[in-house]
Amino acid sequence: MVESLQRDDRRRILRLQIILFLLSLVVFLIAPVFQASDSRYTILLSECLLHHRSADLDLFYKVPVPWLTGDASRPEEANEYQLVKARGHVTYFFPHGSSILSIPLVAAINAAGVSAATPDARLNLAGEIRIQRLIASMLMAGLTCVFFAMAVMMLPVVWSMVIALGASMGSQILSTASRGLWSHTWEVFLLGLIAHSLLGAEHRGARIHLVWLATLVAWSYYVRPTGAVAIVAVSIYVLWVHRENFIVYAVTLAGWLAAFVGYSWSVFAAIIPPYYMASRLQIHDLILPLVGNLISPSRGLLVFVPATLFVLYLTARYRKHMAYSRLAVLAFAQVIALTILICTNKSWTAGYCYGPRYFTDAIPWFVLLAILGLDAMRRARPASHHRIEIAAAIFLLALSIAINARGAWSSAAMDWNPVERHGIFDWRYPQFMAGLIAPQKQ
């Protein structure tokens, strides 16, 4: 078996990353299911910011106006729930971070003749979808390469390829993040870069680039409010491990967060946008959401991504052999905090989507745990003792790929929604079986 690549073998690393990028990009692009629900108007906002330096869509485009005369704080108050009225103008309700980060790519695609706006300044849904599809696929193909770059630091090349492709094809990256430009899409990409930066610093014993890290952490919050988990967890980690340089990290992070507040005030006349309000959370009856998001047949993480079970097994079984236990603690803290945040969300069933969409943000941390766990397993005992474990891992990964492929290839699986029609706890007609079995009569 080929061992981990040497540092100076950069050409080989580059060739493998190009192969991974192109292979995963093709898969993401040819998968027929596409979903532009929450993300509708994301690209139109990018074009508005790019060409007009404004987030007020109604000043430059013919978009629906909220029914209520006052400023709306809930998306259902608008003709199209993706829009909200603020400061007397109509703008995009969901986080603007994805639209801002997408501007360079949108500019290039606009130059090629594709736009999210029609000549008469209306939403060109076909153009919006084409641009979203391309950007989401490119980002998730890039994330596949990030996963490979992480794994190859510590594992053999073949194992690293399996982790990279398995994490992308056997998770919500295939069934959710690449199916539209969800706020998850940019966030999971940024979190992947954060995990790569942290692992690289630990593995090489080098000083971490704290300005870069703080920028990634701040922007993970720009694109989705669950980025607050990364802000807290990574900040504590930096204070713990890199205390002597924490001031650099803290000042950079504070600067970006101040810019976020400034942008929010200029667009929404509020310190934070309406979508970020704590009123969307609840702290009672957490057991039902926890069970639903972990083991229910239509939203359960352990059901849709059973490979997660093997990752948890690895980290528990070989915890004493892990090379970087502090990173493992950080990864677990991120997953646990995200789980709590998901369970306190009033809309914990995740609405119109496929599977455990809310757990998309945890994927980079599970990948990090998988890398640390596999490295510990290899060093714990001779390889001949791991045949059963490897066989179990292959089976669970294959099952994960098959289940998530349903979300990318089966329109029936997507049309299973909304969850109110088919209970998420009903094993007689789980979402991943839609199109394979007949729905139960109501």
Protein backbone atom coordinates (compact mmCIF):
# COMPACT_ATOMS: atom_id res chain seq x y z
CA MET A 1 0.00 0.00 0.00
CA VAL A 2 1.31 3.43 -0.94
CA GLU A 3 2.09 5.52 2.11
CA SER A 4 1.29 9.15 2.64
CA LEU A 5 2.69 11.53 0.08
CA GLN A 6 5.91 13.31 0.91
CA ARG A 7 5.78 17.06 1.25
CA ASP A 8 7.90 17.65 -1.81
CA ASP A 9 5.70 15.50 -4.03
CA ARG A 10 3.58 18.51 -4.91
CA ARG A 11 3.11 17.59 -8.55
CA ARG A 12 1.53 14.28 -7.68
CA ILE A 13 -0.71 15.93 -5.12
CA LEU A 14 -1.78 18.48 -7.72
CA ARG A 15 -2.54 15.79 -10.32
CA LEU A 16 -4.66 13.83 -7.88
CA GLN A 17 -6.50 16.94 -6.78
CA ILE A 18 -7.27 17.88 -10.37
CA ILE A 19 -8.64 14.37 -10.96
CA LEU A 20 -10.75 14.58 -7.80
CA PHE A 21 -12.02 18.04 -8.70
CA LEU A 22 -13.05 17.09 -12.23
CA LEU A 23 -14.55 13.75 -11.22
CA SER A 24 -16.67 15.19 -8.43
CA LEU A 25 -17.59 18.26 -10.51
CA VAL A 26 -18.96 16.02 -13.27
CA VAL A 27 -20.99 14.01 -10.76
CA PHE A 28 -22.44 17.13 -9.15
CA LEU A 29 -23.32 18.68 -12.51
CA ILE A 30 -24.94 15.63 -14.10
CA ALA A 31 -27.06 14.78 -11.06
CA PRO A 32 -30.54 15.82 -12.27
CA VAL A 33 -32.19 16.97 -9.02
CA PHE A 34 -31.75 20.67 -8.30
CA GLN A 35 -33.38 22.71 -5.56
CA ALA A 36 -33.63 26.49 -5.57
CA SER A 37 -35.99 27.18 -2.69
CA ASP A 38 -34.33 29.17 0.10
CA SER A 39 -31.55 30.12 -2.30
CA ARG A 40 -33.80 31.80 -4.87
CA TYR A 41 -32.62 35.41 -5.38
CA THR A 42 -29.12 34.62 -4.06
CA ILE A 43 -27.54 35.26 -7.45
CA LEU A 44 -29.80 38.20 -8.26
CA LEU A 45 -28.53 39.78 -5.03
CA SER A 46 -24.94 39.06 -6.12
CA GLU A 47 -25.60 40.86 -9.40
CA CYS A 48 -27.27 43.75 -7.61
CA LEU A 49 -24.25 44.15 -5.34
CA LEU A 50 -21.86 43.71 -8.26
CA HIS A 51 -23.47 46.06 -10.75
CA HIS A 52 -25.32 48.54 -8.53
CA ARG A 53 -23.38 48.44 -5.22
CA SER A 54 -26.68 47.99 -3.38
CA ALA A 55 -28.66 45.23 -1.67
CA ASP A 56 -32.00 46.94 -2.38
CA LEU A 57 -33.38 44.67 -5.08
CA ASP A 58 -36.54 46.70 -5.74
CA LEU A 59 -34.52 49.75 -6.83
CA PHE A 60 -33.12 47.91 -9.85
CA TYR A 61 -35.31 44.86 -10.44
CA LYS A 62 -39.01 44.08 -10.61
CA VAL A 63 -39.36 41.84 -7.57
CA PRO A 64 -42.40 41.03 -5.42
CA VAL A 65 -43.08 43.46 -2.57
CA PRO A 66 -44.03 42.18 0.91
CA TRP A 67 -47.72 42.32 1.58
CA LEU A 68 -47.38 44.16 4.86
CA THR A 69 -46.78 47.90 4.76
CA GLY A 70 -44.33 47.82 7.67
CA ASP A 71 -40.91 46.23 7.79
CA ALA A 72 -41.25 42.45 7.84
CA SER A 73 -39.28 40.35 10.30
CA ARG A 74 -40.54 36.97 9.11
CA PRO A 75 -40.18 35.53 5.62
CA GLU A 76 -43.81 34.40 5.43
CA GLU A 77 -44.82 38.06 5.36
CA ALA A 78 -43.61 38.38 1.78
CA ASN A 79 -45.17 37.18 -1.48
CA GLU A 80 -42.08 35.03 -1.89
CA TYR A 81 -40.67 34.01 1.46
CA GLN A 82 -37.08 34.56 0.31
CA LEU A 83 -37.69 38.33 0.34
CA VAL A 84 -38.11 40.79 3.17
CA LYS A 85 -38.84 44.50 3.42
CA ALA A 86 -36.28 46.55 5.33
CA ARG A 87 -35.71 50.32 5.45
CA GLY A 88 -38.56 50.66 2.98
CA HIS A 89 -36.88 48.46 0.35
CA VAL A 90 -37.02 44.82 -0.64
CA THR A 91 -33.95 42.63 -0.13
CA TYR A 92 -33.04 38.98 0.28
CA PHE A 93 -34.20 37.54 3.60
CA PHE A 94 -31.61 34.78 4.05
CA PRO A 95 -27.92 35.48 4.86
CA HIS A 96 -26.18 37.70 2.31
CA GLY A 97 -22.75 36.15 2.85
CA SER A 98 -23.15 33.58 0.07
CA SER A 99 -24.17 36.30 -2.39
CA ILE A 100 -21.14 38.42 -1.46
CA LEU A 101 -18.63 35.57 -1.69
CA SER A 102 -20.10 34.46 -5.01
CA ILE A 103 -19.58 37.86 -6.67
CA PRO A 104 -16.27 37.01 -8.44
CA LEU A 105 -17.73 33.80 -9.87
CA VAL A 106 -20.97 35.54 -10.80
CA ALA A 107 -19.01 38.27 -12.60
CA ALA A 108 -17.17 35.66 -14.66
CA ILE A 109 -20.40 33.84 -15.53
CA ASN A 110 -22.15 37.11 -16.39
CA ALA A 111 -19.28 37.86 -18.76
CA ALA A 112 -20.04 34.55 -20.48
CA GLY A 113 -23.59 35.75 -21.14
CA VAL A 114 -25.57 34.10 -18.32
CA SER A 115 -27.47 36.30 -15.86
CA ALA A 116 -30.06 35.96 -13.11
CA ALA A 117 -31.89 39.00 -14.51
CA THR A 118 -33.93 39.28 -17.69
CA PRO A 119 -33.49 42.24 -20.07
CA ASP A 120 -36.60 43.84 -18.53
CA ALA A 121 -35.09 43.56 -15.02
CA ARG A 122 -37.06 40.59 -13.72
CA LEU A 123 -35.76 37.44 -12.06
CA ASN A 124 -34.50 35.05 -14.73
CA LEU A 125 -35.09 31.84 -12.81
CA ALA A 126 -33.42 29.70 -15.46
CA GLY A 127 -30.30 31.86 -15.31
CA GLU A 128 -30.40 31.94 -11.50
CA ILE A 129 -30.52 28.14 -11.42
CA ARG A 130 -27.74 27.70 -13.99
CA ILE A 131 -25.40 29.98 -12.06
CA GLN A 132 -26.30 28.45 -8.69
CA ARG A 133 -25.76 24.95 -10.07
CA LEU A 134 -22.32 25.79 -11.42
CA ILE A 135 -21.11 27.65 -8.32
CA ALA A 136 -22.44 25.04 -5.88
CA SER A 137 -20.87 22.21 -7.90
CA MET A 138 -17.53 23.99 -8.14
CA LEU A 139 -17.45 24.74 -4.42
CA MET A 140 -18.26 21.16 -3.45
CA ALA A 141 -15.72 19.81 -5.94
CA GLY A 142 -13.19 22.14 -4.35
CA LEU A 143 -14.20 20.86 -0.91
CA THR A 144 -13.52 17.31 -2.10
CA CYS A 145 -9.95 18.42 -2.82
CA VAL A 146 -9.72 20.04 0.61
CA PHE A 147 -10.74 16.75 2.23
CA PHE A 148 -8.08 14.92 0.23
CA ALA A 149 -5.43 17.48 1.21
CA MET A 150 -6.37 16.95 4.86
CA ALA A 151 -6.33 13.17 4.69
CA VAL A 152 -3.09 12.84 2.75
CA MET A 153 -1.23 14.60 5.54
CA MET A 154 -1.67 11.52 7.72
CA LEU A 155 -2.97 8.62 5.64
CA PRO A 156 -2.02 6.55 2.57
CA VAL A 157 -3.02 7.95 -0.80
CA VAL A 158 -5.69 5.34 -1.48
CA TRP A 159 -7.29 5.89 1.90
CA SER A 160 -7.19 9.64 1.35
CA MET A 161 -8.95 9.28 -2.00
CA VAL A 162 -11.64 7.13 -0.40
CA ILE A 163 -12.19 9.62 2.41
CA ALA A 164 -12.42 12.57 0.02
CA LEU A 165 -14.83 10.92 -2.40
CA GLY A 166 -16.73 9.12 0.34
CA ALA A 167 -17.28 12.31 2.31
CA SER A 168 -18.55 14.11 -0.79
CA MET A 169 -20.65 11.36 -2.36
CA GLY A 170 -21.88 9.71 0.82
CA SER A 171 -23.15 12.77 2.65
CA GLN A 172 -25.31 15.88 2.35
CA ILE A 173 -22.63 17.39 0.11
CA LEU A 174 -24.08 15.34 -2.74
CA SER A 175 -27.73 15.39 -1.65
CA THR A 176 -27.96 18.98 -0.34
CA ALA A 177 -24.99 21.36 -0.64
CA SER A 178 -24.41 20.69 -4.37
CA ARG A 179 -28.14 20.74 -5.22
CA GLY A 180 -28.41 24.50 -4.86
CA LEU A 181 -26.54 27.42 -3.40
CA TRP A 182 -27.84 26.86 0.10
CA SER A 183 -26.24 28.90 2.87
CA HIS A 184 -24.82 25.50 3.88
CA THR A 185 -22.84 25.36 0.65
CA TRP A 186 -20.48 28.22 1.34
CA GLU A 187 -20.43 27.46 5.06
CA VAL A 188 -19.34 23.84 4.70
CA PHE A 189 -16.65 24.95 2.24
CA LEU A 190 -15.32 27.53 4.70
CA LEU A 191 -15.46 25.06 7.59
CA GLY A 192 -13.48 22.60 5.46
CA LEU A 193 -10.78 25.23 4.99
CA ILE A 194 -10.79 25.89 8.74
CA ALA A 195 -10.35 22.19 9.53
CA HIS A 196 -7.56 21.95 6.93
CA SER A 197 -5.77 24.97 8.40
CA LEU A 198 -5.95 23.61 11.94
CA LEU A 199 -4.83 20.10 11.00
CA GLY A 200 -2.01 21.45 8.85
CA ALA A 201 -0.66 23.57 11.68
CA GLU A 202 -0.78 20.66 14.14
CA HIS A 203 0.74 18.14 11.73
CA ARG A 204 3.61 20.35 10.59
CA GLY A 205 4.19 21.87 14.00
CA ALA A 206 4.10 25.25 12.32
CA ARG A 207 2.64 28.57 13.41
CA ILE A 208 -0.95 28.84 12.30
CA HIS A 209 -1.99 31.74 10.04
CA LEU A 210 -4.32 33.41 12.53
CA VAL A 211 -5.45 36.27 10.26
CA TRP A 212 -6.51 33.73 7.64
CA LEU A 213 -8.18 31.55 10.28
CA ALA A 214 -10.08 34.46 11.84
CA THR A 215 -11.26 35.54 8.38
CA LEU A 216 -12.60 32.06 7.61
CA VAL A 217 -14.32 31.84 10.98
CA ALA A 218 -15.95 35.26 10.61
CA TRP A 219 -17.21 34.53 7.11
CA SER A 220 -18.68 31.21 8.22
CA TYR A 221 -20.99 33.40 10.31
CA TYR A 222 -21.58 35.80 7.42
CA VAL A 223 -23.01 32.95 5.33
CA ARG A 224 -25.01 31.19 8.06
CA PRO A 225 -25.78 31.99 11.73
CA THR A 226 -24.65 28.50 12.82
CA GLY A 227 -21.17 29.84 12.08
CA ALA A 228 -21.43 31.21 15.62
CA VAL A 229 -20.51 27.68 16.76
CA ALA A 230 -17.20 27.94 14.90
CA ILE A 231 -16.58 31.41 16.31
CA VAL A 232 -16.87 30.17 19.89
CA ALA A 233 -15.19 26.77 19.49
CA VAL A 234 -12.28 27.86 17.30
CA SER A 235 -11.67 30.96 19.43
CA ILE A 236 -11.41 28.82 22.55
CA TYR A 237 -9.06 26.45 20.71
CA VAL A 238 -6.81 29.30 19.56
CA LEU A 239 -6.74 30.73 23.09
CA TRP A 240 -5.85 27.26 24.39
CA VAL A 241 -3.21 26.29 21.84
CA HIS A 242 -1.91 29.60 20.43
CA ARG A 243 -2.37 31.93 23.38
CA GLU A 244 0.76 33.95 22.62
CA ASN A 245 -0.73 35.11 19.31
CA PHE A 246 -4.39 35.20 20.29
CA ILE A 247 -4.55 39.00 20.10
CA VAL A 248 -3.88 38.87 16.34
CA TYR A 249 -6.71 36.41 15.87
CA ALA A 250 -9.08 38.32 18.16
CA VAL A 251 -8.48 41.71 16.52
CA THR A 252 -9.00 40.27 13.03
CA LEU A 253 -12.17 38.49 14.07
CA ALA A 254 -13.50 41.59 15.81
CA GLY A 255 -12.84 43.65 12.70
CA TRP A 256 -14.79 41.28 10.48
CA LEU A 257 -17.68 41.09 12.95
CA ALA A 258 -17.77 44.89 13.16
CA ALA A 259 -18.03 44.97 9.36
CA PHE A 260 -20.90 42.47 9.59
CA VAL A 261 -22.75 44.73 12.01
CA GLY A 262 -22.12 47.71 9.76
CA TYR A 263 -23.47 45.89 6.71
CA SER A 264 -26.52 44.68 8.64
CA TRP A 265 -27.27 48.19 9.85
CA SER A 266 -26.98 49.67 6.36
CA VAL A 267 -29.28 47.03 4.82
CA PHE A 268 -31.69 46.05 7.60
CA ALA A 269 -31.37 48.96 10.07
CA ALA A 270 -30.57 46.36 12.71
CA ILE A 271 -27.41 45.16 14.44
CA ILE A 272 -28.01 41.68 13.06
CA PRO A 273 -30.32 40.64 10.19
CA PRO A 274 -33.81 39.26 10.99
CA TYR A 275 -32.76 35.74 9.99
CA TYR A 276 -30.17 35.73 12.79
CA MET A 277 -32.65 36.57 15.56
CA ALA A 278 -32.70 34.30 18.62
CA SER A 279 -36.51 34.29 18.46
CA ARG A 280 -36.18 31.43 15.96
CA LEU A 281 -34.92 29.22 18.78
CA GLN A 282 -36.71 27.33 21.55
CA ILE A 283 -35.35 25.51 24.59
CA HIS A 284 -38.21 23.18 25.52
CA ASP A 285 -38.99 19.68 24.22
CA LEU A 286 -35.48 18.94 22.92
CA ILE A 287 -35.83 15.13 23.00
CA LEU A 288 -38.12 14.88 19.96
CA PRO A 289 -35.87 17.04 17.75
CA LEU A 290 -32.81 15.10 18.91
CA VAL A 291 -34.36 11.74 18.08
CA GLY A 292 -35.73 13.09 14.80
CA ASN A 293 -32.41 14.50 13.62
CA LEU A 294 -30.37 11.46 14.65
CA ILE A 295 -32.39 8.32 13.96
CA SER A 296 -35.69 9.16 12.25
CA PRO A 297 -36.17 7.48 8.85
CA SER A 298 -36.42 10.76 6.95
CA ARG A 299 -34.20 13.23 8.80
CA GLY A 300 -31.88 11.04 10.86
CA LEU A 301 -28.16 11.65 10.40
CA LEU A 302 -27.27 8.08 11.39
CA VAL A 303 -29.84 6.76 8.90
CA PHE A 304 -28.84 8.88 5.90
CA VAL A 305 -25.10 8.85 6.62
CA PRO A 306 -24.50 5.51 8.40
CA ALA A 307 -20.76 5.95 7.82
CA THR A 308 -21.00 8.41 10.71
CA LEU A 309 -21.38 5.38 12.99
CA PHE A 310 -17.96 4.11 11.94
CA VAL A 311 -16.39 7.52 12.56
CA LEU A 312 -17.83 7.55 16.07
CA TYR A 313 -16.60 4.00 16.62
CA LEU A 314 -13.08 4.90 15.49
CA THR A 315 -12.79 7.89 17.77
CA ALA A 316 -14.10 5.95 20.75
CA ARG A 317 -12.14 2.74 20.12
CA TYR A 318 -8.78 4.36 19.33
CA ARG A 319 -8.98 7.57 21.33
CA LYS A 320 -5.84 6.70 23.29
CA HIS A 321 -3.82 6.41 20.08
CA MET A 322 -4.94 9.68 18.47
CA ALA A 323 -2.11 11.95 17.41
CA TYR A 324 -3.86 15.28 17.95
CA SER A 325 -6.36 14.87 20.75
CA ARG A 326 -6.96 18.63 21.00
CA LEU A 327 -8.28 18.67 17.45
CA ALA A 328 -10.53 15.72 18.21
CA VAL A 329 -11.94 17.60 21.20
CA LEU A 330 -12.55 20.64 19.01
CA ALA A 331 -14.29 18.56 16.34
CA PHE A 332 -16.53 16.83 18.89
CA ALA A 333 -17.34 20.17 20.52
CA GLN A 334 -18.41 21.58 17.14
CA VAL A 335 -20.65 18.58 16.41
CA ILE A 336 -22.26 18.59 19.86
CA ALA A 337 -22.84 22.35 19.83
CA LEU A 338 -24.35 22.16 16.35
CA THR A 339 -26.63 19.32 17.47
CA ILE A 340 -27.89 21.42 20.36
CA LEU A 341 -28.45 24.39 18.06
CA ILE A 342 -30.38 22.23 15.60
CA CYS A 343 -32.60 20.84 18.34
CA THR A 344 -33.46 24.33 19.60
CA ASN A 345 -34.56 25.47 16.15
CA LYS A 346 -38.33 25.83 15.93
CA SER A 347 -38.14 24.45 12.38
CA TRP A 348 -35.96 21.49 13.34
CA THR A 349 -37.50 19.27 10.63
CA ALA A 350 -35.55 21.41 8.11
CA GLY A 351 -38.47 22.02 5.78
CA TYR A 352 -38.40 21.19 2.08
CA CYS A 353 -35.16 19.28 1.65
CA TYR A 354 -33.64 15.80 1.55
CA GLY A 355 -32.50 14.12 4.74
CA PRO A 356 -30.56 15.74 7.62
CA ARG A 357 -29.87 19.05 5.89
CA TYR A 358 -29.03 20.87 9.11
CA PHE A 359 -26.14 18.48 9.81
CA THR A 360 -24.41 19.49 6.57
CA ASP A 361 -22.33 21.95 8.60
CA ALA A 362 -20.88 19.08 10.67
CA ILE A 363 -19.33 17.20 7.72
CA PRO A 364 -15.82 18.76 7.86
CA TRP A 365 -15.57 17.89 11.55
CA PHE A 366 -16.63 14.30 10.94
CA VAL A 367 -14.01 14.12 8.18
CA LEU A 368 -11.38 15.42 10.59
CA LEU A 369 -12.42 12.81 13.16
CA ALA A 370 -12.32 10.09 10.50
CA ILE A 371 -8.76 11.05 9.54
CA LEU A 372 -7.58 11.14 13.14
CA GLY A 373 -9.38 7.88 13.91
CA LEU A 374 -8.03 5.99 10.89
CA ASP A 375 -4.51 7.19 11.62
CA ALA A 376 -4.88 5.98 15.21
CA MET A 377 -6.27 2.64 14.04
CA ARG A 378 -3.32 2.06 11.70
CA ARG A 379 -0.85 2.69 14.48
CA ALA A 380 -2.70 0.76 17.18
CA ARG A 381 -2.32 -2.78 15.82
CA PRO A 382 -1.00 -4.60 12.73
CA ALA A 383 -3.11 -3.98 9.62
CA SER A 384 -4.13 -7.66 9.46
CA HIS A 385 -6.25 -7.13 12.58
CA HIS A 386 -8.41 -4.48 10.95
CA ARG A 387 -10.12 -6.54 8.23
CA ILE A 388 -13.51 -6.64 9.92
CA GLU A 389 -13.37 -2.94 10.71
CA ILE A 390 -12.41 -2.04 7.15
CA ALA A 391 -15.15 -4.30 5.75
CA ALA A 392 -17.70 -2.61 8.01
CA ALA A 393 -16.43 0.82 6.93
CA ILE A 394 -16.75 -0.06 3.24
CA PHE A 395 -20.29 -1.38 3.73
CA LEU A 396 -21.44 1.69 5.68
CA LEU A 397 -19.81 4.05 3.19
CA ALA A 398 -21.42 2.28 0.23
CA LEU A 399 -24.79 2.50 1.97
CA SER A 400 -24.24 6.21 2.64
CA ILE A 401 -23.43 6.84 -1.02
CA ALA A 402 -26.50 4.92 -2.20
CA ILE A 403 -28.83 6.81 0.15
CA ASN A 404 -27.48 10.26 -0.67
CA ALA A 405 -27.45 9.50 -4.38
CA ARG A 406 -31.23 9.17 -4.08
CA GLY A 407 -31.37 12.81 -3.05
CA ALA A 408 -29.37 13.88 -6.11
CA TRP A 409 -30.96 11.58 -8.70
CA SER A 410 -34.54 10.89 -7.57
CA SER A 411 -37.20 13.52 -8.11
CA ALA A 412 -39.62 11.32 -6.18
CA ALA A 413 -37.38 11.52 -3.12
CA MET A 414 -37.37 15.29 -3.30
CA ASP A 415 -41.12 15.42 -3.99
CA TRP A 416 -41.64 13.42 -0.78
CA ASN A 417 -41.77 16.80 0.94
CA PRO A 418 -43.16 18.58 2.81
CA VAL A 419 -42.61 16.68 6.02
CA GLU A 420 -46.15 17.47 7.14
CA ARG A 421 -47.47 15.15 4.43
CA HIS A 422 -45.28 12.17 5.31
CA GLY A 423 -44.25 11.96 8.97
CA ILE A 424 -40.51 11.87 9.45
CA PHE A 425 -40.90 9.03 11.96
CA ASP A 426 -42.90 6.82 9.57
CA TRP A 427 -40.74 3.85 8.51
CA ARG A 428 -43.45 2.67 6.10
CA TYR A 429 -42.51 5.41 3.62
CA PRO A 430 -39.13 6.99 4.44
CA GLN A 431 -37.89 9.71 2.14
CA PHE A 432 -34.97 7.75 0.69
CA MET A 433 -37.41 5.02 -0.43
CA ALA A 434 -39.71 7.41 -2.28
CA GLY A 435 -39.97 6.27 -5.88
CA LEU A 436 -38.95 2.73 -4.94
CA ILE A 437 -42.05 1.86 -2.94
CA ALA A 438 -45.60 3.13 -3.09
CA PRO A 439 -46.61 5.80 -0.57
CA GLN A 440 -48.99 4.77 2.18
CA LYS A 441 -52.57 5.94 1.86
CA GLN A 442 -53.44 8.69 4.30
